[in-house]
Amino acid sequence: IPLEHFPVEPAVAGALAWSAAAGLTPDEEAIRQSLT
């Protein structure tokens, strides 16, 4: 599966924005760890 189609940093930024838009409190490091 081409990993370059799934860059980590944009996914982390998107996940943080998603969580904030939902009114949640994300854990950035844990998000990054889940995605890597």
PDB file of all heavy atoms in Angstrom:
ATOM      1  N   ILE A   1       0.880  -1.171   0.000  1.00  0.00           N
ATOM      2  CA  ILE A   1       0.000   0.000   0.000  1.00  0.00           C
ATOM      3  C   ILE A   1       0.914   1.217   0.000  1.00  0.00           C
ATOM      4  O   ILE A   1       1.819   1.314   0.832  1.00  0.00           O
ATOM      5  CB  ILE A   1      -0.922  -0.013   1.230  1.00  0.00           C
ATOM      6  CG1 ILE A   1      -1.878  -1.207   1.138  1.00  0.00           C
ATOM      7  CG2 ILE A   1      -1.684   1.296   1.356  1.00  0.00           C
ATOM      8  CD1 ILE A   1      -2.689  -1.469   2.384  1.00  0.00           C
ATOM      9  N   PRO A   2       0.736   2.145  -0.934  1.00  0.00           N
ATOM     10  CA  PRO A   2       1.642   3.297  -1.030  1.00  0.00           C
ATOM     11  C   PRO A   2       1.470   4.257   0.163  1.00  0.00           C
ATOM     12  O   PRO A   2       0.484   4.985   0.251  1.00  0.00           O
ATOM     13  CB  PRO A   2       1.252   3.953  -2.346  1.00  0.00           C
ATOM     14  CG  PRO A   2      -0.125   3.462  -2.649  1.00  0.00           C
ATOM     15  CD  PRO A   2      -0.286   2.147  -1.961  1.00  0.00           C
ATOM     16  N   LEU A   3       2.440   4.232   1.062  1.00  0.00           N
ATOM     17  CA  LEU A   3       2.377   5.062   2.265  1.00  0.00           C
ATOM     18  C   LEU A   3       2.347   6.548   1.949  1.00  0.00           C
ATOM     19  O   LEU A   3       1.784   7.333   2.715  1.00  0.00           O
ATOM     20  CB  LEU A   3       3.558   4.744   3.190  1.00  0.00           C
ATOM     21  CG  LEU A   3       3.649   3.302   3.697  1.00  0.00           C
ATOM     22  CD1 LEU A   3       4.811   3.169   4.667  1.00  0.00           C
ATOM     23  CD2 LEU A   3       2.351   2.841   4.318  1.00  0.00           C
ATOM     24  N   GLU A   4       2.920   6.940   0.814  1.00  0.00           N
ATOM     25  CA  GLU A   4       2.937   8.362   0.462  1.00  0.00           C
ATOM     26  C   GLU A   4       1.525   8.896   0.205  1.00  0.00           C
ATOM     27  O   GLU A   4       1.304  10.114   0.225  1.00  0.00           O
ATOM     28  CB  GLU A   4       3.852   8.633  -0.745  1.00  0.00           C
ATOM     29  CG  GLU A   4       3.403   8.003  -2.041  1.00  0.00           C
ATOM     30  CD  GLU A   4       3.881   6.573  -2.251  1.00  0.00           C
ATOM     31  OE1 GLU A   4       4.487   5.970  -1.340  1.00  0.00           O
ATOM     32  OE2 GLU A   4       3.649   6.051  -3.353  1.00  0.00           O
ATOM     33  N   HIS A   5       0.551   8.033   0.007  1.00  0.00           N
ATOM     34  CA  HIS A   5      -0.837   8.473  -0.168  1.00  0.00           C
ATOM     35  C   HIS A   5      -1.490   8.788   1.177  1.00  0.00           C
ATOM     36  O   HIS A   5      -2.604   9.320   1.203  1.00  0.00           O
ATOM     37  CB  HIS A   5      -1.655   7.409  -0.888  1.00  0.00           C
ATOM     38  CG  HIS A   5      -1.264   7.233  -2.313  1.00  0.00           C
ATOM     39  ND1 HIS A   5      -1.942   6.406  -3.160  1.00  0.00           N
ATOM     40  CD2 HIS A   5      -0.271   7.767  -3.059  1.00  0.00           C
ATOM     41  CE1 HIS A   5      -1.390   6.432  -4.354  1.00  0.00           C
ATOM     42  NE2 HIS A   5      -0.359   7.251  -4.301  1.00  0.00           N
ATOM     43  N   PHE A   6      -0.797   8.469   2.258  1.00  0.00           N
ATOM     44  CA  PHE A   6      -1.321   8.662   3.605  1.00  0.00           C
ATOM     45  C   PHE A   6      -0.286   9.354   4.493  1.00  0.00           C
ATOM     46  O   PHE A   6       0.205   8.764   5.456  1.00  0.00           O
ATOM     47  CB  PHE A   6      -1.720   7.312   4.217  1.00  0.00           C
ATOM     48  CG  PHE A   6      -2.744   6.571   3.412  1.00  0.00           C
ATOM     49  CD1 PHE A   6      -2.360   5.629   2.479  1.00  0.00           C
ATOM     50  CD2 PHE A   6      -4.093   6.833   3.590  1.00  0.00           C
ATOM     51  CE1 PHE A   6      -3.308   4.944   1.734  1.00  0.00           C
ATOM     52  CE2 PHE A   6      -5.043   6.155   2.848  1.00  0.00           C
ATOM     53  CZ  PHE A   6      -4.655   5.211   1.916  1.00  0.00           C
ATOM     54  N   PRO A   7       0.068  10.606   4.177  1.00  0.00           N
ATOM     55  CA  PRO A   7       1.073  11.294   5.001  1.00  0.00           C
ATOM     56  C   PRO A   7       0.567  11.508   6.435  1.00  0.00           C
ATOM     57  O   PRO A   7      -0.621  11.783   6.658  1.00  0.00           O
ATOM     58  CB  PRO A   7       1.291  12.612   4.277  1.00  0.00           C
ATOM     59  CG  PRO A   7       0.075  12.806   3.427  1.00  0.00           C
ATOM     60  CD  PRO A   7      -0.447  11.441   3.110  1.00  0.00           C
ATOM     61  N   VAL A   8       1.465  11.367   7.377  1.00  0.00           N
ATOM     62  CA  VAL A   8       1.102  11.405   8.791  1.00  0.00           C
ATOM     63  C   VAL A   8       0.738  12.810   9.268  1.00  0.00           C
ATOM     64  O   VAL A   8      -0.293  13.001   9.924  1.00  0.00           O
ATOM     65  CB  VAL A   8       2.243  10.822   9.657  1.00  0.00           C
ATOM     66  CG1 VAL A   8       1.946  11.001  11.143  1.00  0.00           C
ATOM     67  CG2 VAL A   8       2.449   9.353   9.320  1.00  0.00           C
ATOM     68  N   GLU A   9       1.557  13.803   8.968  1.00  0.00           N
ATOM     69  CA  GLU A   9       1.320  15.139   9.540  1.00  0.00           C
ATOM     70  C   GLU A   9      -0.021  15.744   9.120  1.00  0.00           C
ATOM     71  O   GLU A   9      -0.719  16.303   9.968  1.00  0.00           O
ATOM     72  CB  GLU A   9       2.493  16.070   9.240  1.00  0.00           C
ATOM     73  CG  GLU A   9       3.763  15.694   9.995  1.00  0.00           C
ATOM     74  CD  GLU A   9       3.545  15.479  11.495  1.00  0.00           C
ATOM     75  OE1 GLU A   9       2.895  16.316  12.160  1.00  0.00           O
ATOM     76  OE2 GLU A   9       4.033  14.457  12.014  1.00  0.00           O
ATOM     77  N   PRO A  10      -0.420  15.667   7.848  1.00  0.00           N
ATOM     78  CA  PRO A  10      -1.754  16.174   7.507  1.00  0.00           C
ATOM     79  C   PRO A  10      -2.872  15.398   8.210  1.00  0.00           C
ATOM     80  O   PRO A  10      -3.900  15.967   8.570  1.00  0.00           O
ATOM     81  CB  PRO A  10      -1.846  16.001   5.986  1.00  0.00           C
ATOM     82  CG  PRO A  10      -0.437  15.980   5.524  1.00  0.00           C
ATOM     83  CD  PRO A  10       0.330  15.313   6.640  1.00  0.00           C
ATOM     84  N   ALA A  11      -2.654  14.101   8.436  1.00  0.00           N
ATOM     85  CA  ALA A  11      -3.651  13.305   9.153  1.00  0.00           C
ATOM     86  C   ALA A  11      -3.752  13.762  10.608  1.00  0.00           C
ATOM     87  O   ALA A  11      -4.860  13.890  11.146  1.00  0.00           O
ATOM     88  CB  ALA A  11      -3.308  11.826   9.075  1.00  0.00           C
ATOM     89  N   VAL A  12      -2.624  14.018  11.242  1.00  0.00           N
ATOM     90  CA  VAL A  12      -2.637  14.496  12.631  1.00  0.00           C
ATOM     91  C   VAL A  12      -3.332  15.854  12.699  1.00  0.00           C
ATOM     92  O   VAL A  12      -4.205  16.074  13.550  1.00  0.00           O
ATOM     93  CB  VAL A  12      -1.204  14.575  13.214  1.00  0.00           C
ATOM     94  CG1 VAL A  12      -1.211  15.285  14.563  1.00  0.00           C
ATOM     95  CG2 VAL A  12      -0.605  13.184  13.338  1.00  0.00           C
ATOM     96  N   ALA A  13      -2.981  16.754  11.803  1.00  0.00           N
ATOM     97  CA  ALA A  13      -3.612  18.082  11.784  1.00  0.00           C
ATOM     98  C   ALA A  13      -5.112  17.964  11.538  1.00  0.00           C
ATOM     99  O   ALA A  13      -5.917  18.640  12.192  1.00  0.00           O
ATOM    100  CB  ALA A  13      -2.963  18.961  10.718  1.00  0.00           C
ATOM    101  N   GLY A  14      -5.501  17.106  10.616  1.00  0.00           N
ATOM    102  CA  GLY A  14      -6.918  16.906  10.336  1.00  0.00           C
ATOM    103  C   GLY A  14      -7.650  16.311  11.518  1.00  0.00           C
ATOM    104  O   GLY A  14      -8.787  16.718  11.827  1.00  0.00           O
ATOM    105  N   ALA A  15      -7.022  15.365  12.189  1.00  0.00           N
ATOM    106  CA  ALA A  15      -7.636  14.740  13.360  1.00  0.00           C
ATOM    107  C   ALA A  15      -7.822  15.760  14.482  1.00  0.00           C
ATOM    108  O   ALA A  15      -8.869  15.792  15.135  1.00  0.00           O
ATOM    109  CB  ALA A  15      -6.788  13.570  13.837  1.00  0.00           C
ATOM    110  N   LEU A  16      -6.831  16.614  14.679  1.00  0.00           N
ATOM    111  CA  LEU A  16      -6.947  17.653  15.706  1.00  0.00           C
ATOM    112  C   LEU A  16      -8.070  18.623  15.373  1.00  0.00           C
ATOM    113  O   LEU A  16      -8.867  19.004  16.247  1.00  0.00           O
ATOM    114  CB  LEU A  16      -5.617  18.395  15.860  1.00  0.00           C
ATOM    115  CG  LEU A  16      -4.479  17.594  16.485  1.00  0.00           C
ATOM    116  CD1 LEU A  16      -3.160  18.338  16.352  1.00  0.00           C
ATOM    117  CD2 LEU A  16      -4.787  17.273  17.940  1.00  0.00           C
ATOM    118  N   ALA A  17      -8.156  19.034  14.110  1.00  0.00           N
ATOM    119  CA  ALA A  17      -9.221  19.953  13.681  1.00  0.00           C
ATOM    120  C   ALA A  17     -10.593  19.287  13.817  1.00  0.00           C
ATOM    121  O   ALA A  17     -11.561  19.915  14.249  1.00  0.00           O
ATOM    122  CB  ALA A  17      -8.983  20.399  12.240  1.00  0.00           C
ATOM    123  N   TRP A  18     -10.669  18.007  13.455  1.00  0.00           N
ATOM    124  CA  TRP A  18     -11.917  17.263  13.569  1.00  0.00           C
ATOM    125  C   TRP A  18     -12.389  17.221  15.015  1.00  0.00           C
ATOM    126  O   TRP A  18     -13.549  17.481  15.326  1.00  0.00           O
ATOM    127  CB  TRP A  18     -11.707  15.848  13.033  1.00  0.00           C
ATOM    128  CG  TRP A  18     -12.930  14.988  13.063  1.00  0.00           C
ATOM    129  CD1 TRP A  18     -13.832  14.814  12.056  1.00  0.00           C
ATOM    130  CD2 TRP A  18     -13.382  14.180  14.155  1.00  0.00           C
ATOM    131  NE1 TRP A  18     -14.824  13.944  12.454  1.00  0.00           N
ATOM    132  CE2 TRP A  18     -14.565  13.541  13.740  1.00  0.00           C
ATOM    133  CE3 TRP A  18     -12.898  13.940  15.433  1.00  0.00           C
ATOM    134  CZ2 TRP A  18     -15.276  12.682  14.567  1.00  0.00           C
ATOM    135  CZ3 TRP A  18     -13.616  13.083  16.266  1.00  0.00           C
ATOM    136  CH2 TRP A  18     -14.783  12.466  15.826  1.00  0.00           C
ATOM    137  N   SER A  19     -11.456  16.889  15.897  1.00  0.00           N
ATOM    138  CA  SER A  19     -11.778  16.794  17.317  1.00  0.00           C
ATOM    139  C   SER A  19     -12.227  18.146  17.869  1.00  0.00           C
ATOM    140  O   SER A  19     -13.213  18.231  18.596  1.00  0.00           O
ATOM    141  CB  SER A  19     -10.562  16.264  18.086  1.00  0.00           C
ATOM    142  OG  SER A  19     -10.868  16.091  19.447  1.00  0.00           O
ATOM    143  N   ALA A  20     -11.514  19.201  17.509  1.00  0.00           N
ATOM    144  CA  ALA A  20     -11.875  20.542  17.973  1.00  0.00           C
ATOM    145  C   ALA A  20     -13.257  20.941  17.456  1.00  0.00           C
ATOM    146  O   ALA A  20     -14.064  21.512  18.196  1.00  0.00           O
ATOM    147  CB  ALA A  20     -10.822  21.553  17.526  1.00  0.00           C
ATOM    148  N   ALA A  21     -13.546  20.643  16.192  1.00  0.00           N
ATOM    149  CA  ALA A  21     -14.846  20.981  15.610  1.00  0.00           C
ATOM    150  C   ALA A  21     -15.976  20.237  16.315  1.00  0.00           C
ATOM    151  O   ALA A  21     -17.106  20.721  16.381  1.00  0.00           O
ATOM    152  CB  ALA A  21     -14.863  20.667  14.118  1.00  0.00           C
ATOM    153  N   ALA A  22     -15.661  19.060  16.852  1.00  0.00           N
ATOM    154  CA  ALA A  22     -16.660  18.268  17.572  1.00  0.00           C
ATOM    155  C   ALA A  22     -16.750  18.668  19.041  1.00  0.00           C
ATOM    156  O   ALA A  22     -17.546  18.104  19.794  1.00  0.00           O
ATOM    157  CB  ALA A  22     -16.327  16.784  17.456  1.00  0.00           C
ATOM    158  N   GLY A  23     -15.916  19.634  19.476  1.00  0.00           N
ATOM    159  CA  GLY A  23     -15.933  20.083  20.864  1.00  0.00           C
ATOM    160  C   GLY A  23     -15.270  19.106  21.821  1.00  0.00           C
ATOM    161  O   GLY A  23     -15.570  19.102  23.009  1.00  0.00           O
ATOM    162  N   LEU A  24     -14.355  18.300  21.310  1.00  0.00           N
ATOM    163  CA  LEU A  24     -13.660  17.309  22.128  1.00  0.00           C
ATOM    164  C   LEU A  24     -12.264  17.804  22.508  1.00  0.00           C
ATOM    165  O   LEU A  24     -11.788  18.801  21.968  1.00  0.00           O
ATOM    166  CB  LEU A  24     -13.548  15.994  21.351  1.00  0.00           C
ATOM    167  CG  LEU A  24     -14.870  15.384  20.893  1.00  0.00           C
ATOM    168  CD1 LEU A  24     -14.625  14.207  19.968  1.00  0.00           C
ATOM    169  CD2 LEU A  24     -15.726  14.992  22.073  1.00  0.00           C
ATOM    170  N   THR A  25     -11.615  17.088  23.389  1.00  0.00           N
ATOM    171  CA  THR A  25     -10.258  17.419  23.808  1.00  0.00           C
ATOM    172  C   THR A  25      -9.319  16.311  23.344  1.00  0.00           C
ATOM    173  O   THR A  25      -9.259  15.240  23.948  1.00  0.00           O
ATOM    174  CB  THR A  25     -10.179  17.564  25.343  1.00  0.00           C
ATOM    175  OG1 THR A  25     -11.142  18.531  25.759  1.00  0.00           O
ATOM    176  CG2 THR A  25      -8.787  17.995  25.772  1.00  0.00           C
ATOM    177  N   PRO A  26      -8.591  16.558  22.249  1.00  0.00           N
ATOM    178  CA  PRO A  26      -7.713  15.515  21.708  1.00  0.00           C
ATOM    179  C   PRO A  26      -6.359  15.468  22.410  1.00  0.00           C
ATOM    180  O   PRO A  26      -5.954  16.402  23.082  1.00  0.00           O
ATOM    181  CB  PRO A  26      -7.534  15.942  20.258  1.00  0.00           C
ATOM    182  CG  PRO A  26      -7.593  17.434  20.325  1.00  0.00           C
ATOM    183  CD  PRO A  26      -8.611  17.743  21.400  1.00  0.00           C
ATOM    184  N   ASP A  27      -5.666  14.369  22.211  1.00  0.00           N
ATOM    185  CA  ASP A  27      -4.302  14.179  22.700  1.00  0.00           C
ATOM    186  C   ASP A  27      -3.427  14.031  21.456  1.00  0.00           C
ATOM    187  O   ASP A  27      -3.402  12.972  20.830  1.00  0.00           O
ATOM    188  CB  ASP A  27      -4.238  12.935  23.571  1.00  0.00           C
ATOM    189  CG  ASP A  27      -2.846  12.631  24.102  1.00  0.00           C
ATOM    190  OD1 ASP A  27      -1.839  13.056  23.474  1.00  0.00           O
ATOM    191  OD2 ASP A  27      -2.757  11.939  25.129  1.00  0.00           O
ATOM    192  N   GLU A  28      -2.735  15.100  21.084  1.00  0.00           N
ATOM    193  CA  GLU A  28      -1.971  15.118  19.836  1.00  0.00           C
ATOM    194  C   GLU A  28      -0.941  14.000  19.750  1.00  0.00           C
ATOM    195  O   GLU A  28      -0.823  13.329  18.720  1.00  0.00           O
ATOM    196  CB  GLU A  28      -1.285  16.471  19.641  1.00  0.00           C
ATOM    197  CG  GLU A  28      -0.520  16.561  18.348  1.00  0.00           C
ATOM    198  CD  GLU A  28       0.080  17.933  18.098  1.00  0.00           C
ATOM    199  OE1 GLU A  28      -0.223  18.895  18.828  1.00  0.00           O
ATOM    200  OE2 GLU A  28       0.861  18.040  17.141  1.00  0.00           O
ATOM    201  N   GLU A  29      -0.199  13.777  20.812  1.00  0.00           N
ATOM    202  CA  GLU A  29       0.830  12.741  20.775  1.00  0.00           C
ATOM    203  C   GLU A  29       0.204  11.354  20.621  1.00  0.00           C
ATOM    204  O   GLU A  29       0.719  10.507  19.884  1.00  0.00           O
ATOM    205  CB  GLU A  29       1.712  12.793  22.024  1.00  0.00           C
ATOM    206  CG  GLU A  29       2.896  11.859  21.973  1.00  0.00           C
ATOM    207  CD  GLU A  29       3.781  12.033  20.740  1.00  0.00           C
ATOM    208  OE1 GLU A  29       3.991  13.166  20.284  1.00  0.00           O
ATOM    209  OE2 GLU A  29       4.264  11.010  20.211  1.00  0.00           O
ATOM    210  N   ALA A  30      -0.908  11.119  21.289  1.00  0.00           N
ATOM    211  CA  ALA A  30      -1.579   9.824  21.176  1.00  0.00           C
ATOM    212  C   ALA A  30      -2.170   9.628  19.781  1.00  0.00           C
ATOM    213  O   ALA A  30      -2.178   8.514  19.257  1.00  0.00           O
ATOM    214  CB  ALA A  30      -2.661   9.698  22.242  1.00  0.00           C
ATOM    215  N   ILE A  31      -2.644  10.704  19.167  1.00  0.00           N
ATOM    216  CA  ILE A  31      -3.127  10.619  17.783  1.00  0.00           C
ATOM    217  C   ILE A  31      -1.978  10.212  16.873  1.00  0.00           C
ATOM    218  O   ILE A  31      -2.095   9.292  16.068  1.00  0.00           O
ATOM    219  CB  ILE A  31      -3.752  11.951  17.320  1.00  0.00           C
ATOM    220  CG1 ILE A  31      -5.078  12.200  18.042  1.00  0.00           C
ATOM    221  CG2 ILE A  31      -3.945  11.972  15.798  1.00  0.00           C
ATOM    222  CD1 ILE A  31      -5.665  13.580  17.823  1.00  0.00           C
ATOM    223  N   ARG A  32      -0.855  10.900  17.014  1.00  0.00           N
ATOM    224  CA  ARG A  32       0.325  10.601  16.189  1.00  0.00           C
ATOM    225  C   ARG A  32       0.777   9.154  16.396  1.00  0.00           C
ATOM    226  O   ARG A  32       1.074   8.441  15.437  1.00  0.00           O
ATOM    227  CB  ARG A  32       1.448  11.579  16.499  1.00  0.00           C
ATOM    228  CG  ARG A  32       2.684  11.383  15.631  1.00  0.00           C
ATOM    229  CD  ARG A  32       3.737  12.452  15.844  1.00  0.00           C
ATOM    230  NE  ARG A  32       3.392  13.647  15.071  1.00  0.00           N
ATOM    231  CZ  ARG A  32       2.822  14.752  15.574  1.00  0.00           C
ATOM    232  NH1 ARG A  32       2.554  14.829  16.853  1.00  0.00           N
ATOM    233  NH2 ARG A  32       2.531  15.778  14.815  1.00  0.00           N
ATOM    234  N   GLN A  33       0.778   8.718  17.637  1.00  0.00           N
ATOM    235  CA  GLN A  33       1.202   7.352  17.939  1.00  0.00           C
ATOM    236  C   GLN A  33       0.246   6.340  17.304  1.00  0.00           C
ATOM    237  O   GLN A  33       0.679   5.315  16.773  1.00  0.00           O
ATOM    238  CB  GLN A  33       1.282   7.152  19.442  1.00  0.00           C
ATOM    239  CG  GLN A  33       1.850   5.815  19.831  1.00  0.00           C
ATOM    240  CD  GLN A  33       2.033   5.691  21.334  1.00  0.00           C
ATOM    241  OE1 GLN A  33       1.520   6.499  22.107  1.00  0.00           O
ATOM    242  NE2 GLN A  33       2.766   4.692  21.762  1.00  0.00           N
ATOM    243  N   SER A  34      -1.043   6.612  17.335  1.00  0.00           N
ATOM    244  CA  SER A  34      -2.023   5.711  16.715  1.00  0.00           C
ATOM    245  C   SER A  34      -1.814   5.610  15.213  1.00  0.00           C
ATOM    246  O   SER A  34      -1.973   4.545  14.619  1.00  0.00           O
ATOM    247  CB  SER A  34      -3.448   6.202  16.986  1.00  0.00           C
ATOM    248  OG  SER A  34      -3.730   6.205  18.353  1.00  0.00           O
ATOM    249  N   LEU A  35      -1.460   6.736  14.599  1.00  0.00           N
ATOM    250  CA  LEU A  35      -1.297   6.778  13.148  1.00  0.00           C
ATOM    251  C   LEU A  35       0.070   6.283  12.678  1.00  0.00           C
ATOM    252  O   LEU A  35       0.261   6.075  11.481  1.00  0.00           O
ATOM    253  CB  LEU A  35      -1.545   8.201  12.634  1.00  0.00           C
ATOM    254  CG  LEU A  35      -2.983   8.708  12.777  1.00  0.00           C
ATOM    255  CD1 LEU A  35      -3.054  10.195  12.473  1.00  0.00           C
ATOM    256  CD2 LEU A  35      -3.926   7.915  11.895  1.00  0.00           C
ATOM    257  N   THR A  36       0.997   6.094  13.595  1.00  0.00           N
ATOM    258  CA  THR A  36       2.334   5.629  13.210  1.00  0.00           C
ATOM    259  C   THR A  36       2.711   4.311  13.865  1.00  0.00           C
ATOM    260  O   THR A  36       3.695   3.685  13.480  1.00  0.00           O
ATOM    261  CB  THR A  36       3.414   6.668  13.557  1.00  0.00           C
ATOM    262  OG1 THR A  36       3.385   6.924  14.963  1.00  0.00           O
ATOM    263  CG2 THR A  36       3.212   7.958  12.779  1.00  0.00           C
TER     264      THR A  36
END
